[in-house]
Amino acid sequence: MEYILKNGIVYDPTNSVTGEKKDVMIKDGKIVDRVSSDAKILDVTDKLVMAAGVDVHAHIAGPKLCVGRLYRPEDERRGVVPKTDITRAETGFSIPSCSATGYRYSRMGYGTVTEAAVPPLEAKHTHEEIMSIPNIDVSPLLLFGNNWFVMQYVKEGNIEDLAAFVSAWLKIAKCYGMKVVNPCGSEAWGWGMNVHGIDDPAPHWGVTGREVVRALTQVNEMLGLPHSMHVHPNDLGHPGNYPTTIGTLDAVKDIKKNPSVTRDQTIHCTHLQFHSYGGTSWRDAKSGAEPVADYINKNKHVTCDIGQITFDETTTMTADAPMEYDLYKISGLKWANKDIELETAAGLIPIIYSPKAPVSTLQWAIGLELFLMINDPWQVVLTTDSPNAGPFIRYPRIISWLMSSDRRNEMMENGEVHKWASKRTSLATLDRVYDWNDIATVTRSAPAKILGLDERGHLGVGANADVAVYDLEPENFDATKAANAAVVEDVLGRALYTLKDGEVVVKDGKIAKVVPSRHLWSNIQGFEEQEKKVLENIMPMFNRYYTVKFENYKVHDHYVDPDVEFKIDASK
């Protein structure tokens, strides 16, 4: 199928296109520079046109989602939408059903989403859920930060075998990249403990979070993975945690980037808002955004996403199990805990982020401070760590806050949010606003580059024809006005068109077609002999401690159909 999206106002930061009136041409699922006379014309005159969105960090598939749906039936009763001739029924608000997840991202104009935390033992289940999510491609990240084999190799200082182990496990689990969550802390949770800071060793292993993050970052660059090390640092959510965050980022500063990759960073810090707190307790908590943003502004080896609070009742879920226990002790709300043998732990708990609550408002303001204090929009990405800080469907609302200082000040001045926002942060002094080019950068171009997805997040010739068109004329609309914030949220939540691989999947804000999602995974070439040796070496420990046989552990090919396989030559 061929299309011409005619006369749209195009924002494509990757290709330095900033609000130009032009046509976007599509053929065979790709952006092209010419089409035949048979091409179908979609008149999008003066409408806002961008590449489809790319989400660098969300929790959308896997057993933690299933536990959350079972454990929070009250959430499942929200967001119910009847089935149509095209779609299945939708349920859920913060933990939507699989089909609703795909539909809702599509309606917002998104095309690619990263599932941010996959325990290897649960990878099959994760891929099964991805198969049930339509209309978006999914890049799953595999958890390594509390894995027994990883800690053994780190303890021995054996980077070569650790690289072979990672290479083998990405193949076994069919995942795209590496993720670390509270390194050594979730292992400590198996003994009812946590680690406190990057240099606190895991019990019985004697290795620290610093050593784990450094070793895995070295391996990431040795293998030349398309995405960098993706890190959830220690001390999430604790007042006074920002030095730990900066220490984690600085710990890998001297590690050189693999020259074959297209990204700029060697470490991506996720949900930075939760890691940027000053003070010593919640009584004197204050923003730590300024020193964190200052560090990022001076160091190009770092990128981040925010995890912006959205003021919703939502569900927290993370492999940082001890943090979830802390949250349970503070809130008293119902709590679920899960241990993944030899690999990690996890927890879930509901949470209500109220604009009238001091802590919620402080967190909200710190997230916006980070967006506004980090100078280069290519280093910061819009996320809510969905569903932890709020569901992903609130991205348009966050965009409305970023584009209007008047709206932010209105919320603080009229008492819409608690006074901690203005008393304990500097948000009220920040008058920076994002323009449409900045929005396209933090939702499309930057996340695609950070993930190493060179054919996504832009509209250059050869890119995937993942495109979003919104029913808004940017040349005749002032997004800086507080009164227009609701319009921004409404329009960006209902794309006029979303095209996925050149097919119209959303029209007039409604699902027009359902297509299967593809599984993105990395297949590293050149480590086969080392992988074989490592597997032989670890098998006695695997057979002794795992309750599953290795033959049942591997993700077979039919779990990732259809897929996009990234073949990586580790020799480069």
Foldseek 3Di string as FASTA:
>chain_A
DKEKAAQEQEFFVVVPRHRDGGIFIDDQQFTADDDDPPHYYDDQHLFYKFFFFAAQFAAQFWDLLVVVCVVCVVQQQPPWDPADPFAHTWTGFQRIQQQVVQLQSVQLQHAEYENEEDELQTLLRRLLSLQVHWRHAYAYAYEFQQFQVLLVCLLVVPLLLNLLQVLVSLQQSQHQYYEYALRLQQQLVVVVGGADAQCGHRPPSRDGNLSSLQSVLLSCQLLVRQAAYEYAYHPFQFAQQQVRVLVSQVSNQPRDHNVVYQFQARYEYEQCLRRFWYDHHVVPIFGNLQVVLVSCLVGRNYAYEHLAADQAWHKDKDLSQVVQVVVCVVPVFDKDKADDFSTTIMMMGIDGLHLADLVSLRSNLNSLCNVQSNDDLLRYAYDNNGPRNHHPLCSLLVLLVQAALPQVVCCQVVVVGHVSSVVRYPSNVGGHHDAPNSVLNRGAVNSCSNNRVVLTSGSDGGHRRFMFIWPDNSVPDRSHDNVCSVVSSVGSSGTCFTAGSRHTQHHRSGGPHIDGHAYEGENEPDSVVSSVVSCVVCVVVCVVGDPDDPVVSGNDPVSGPPYDYHYGYSVD
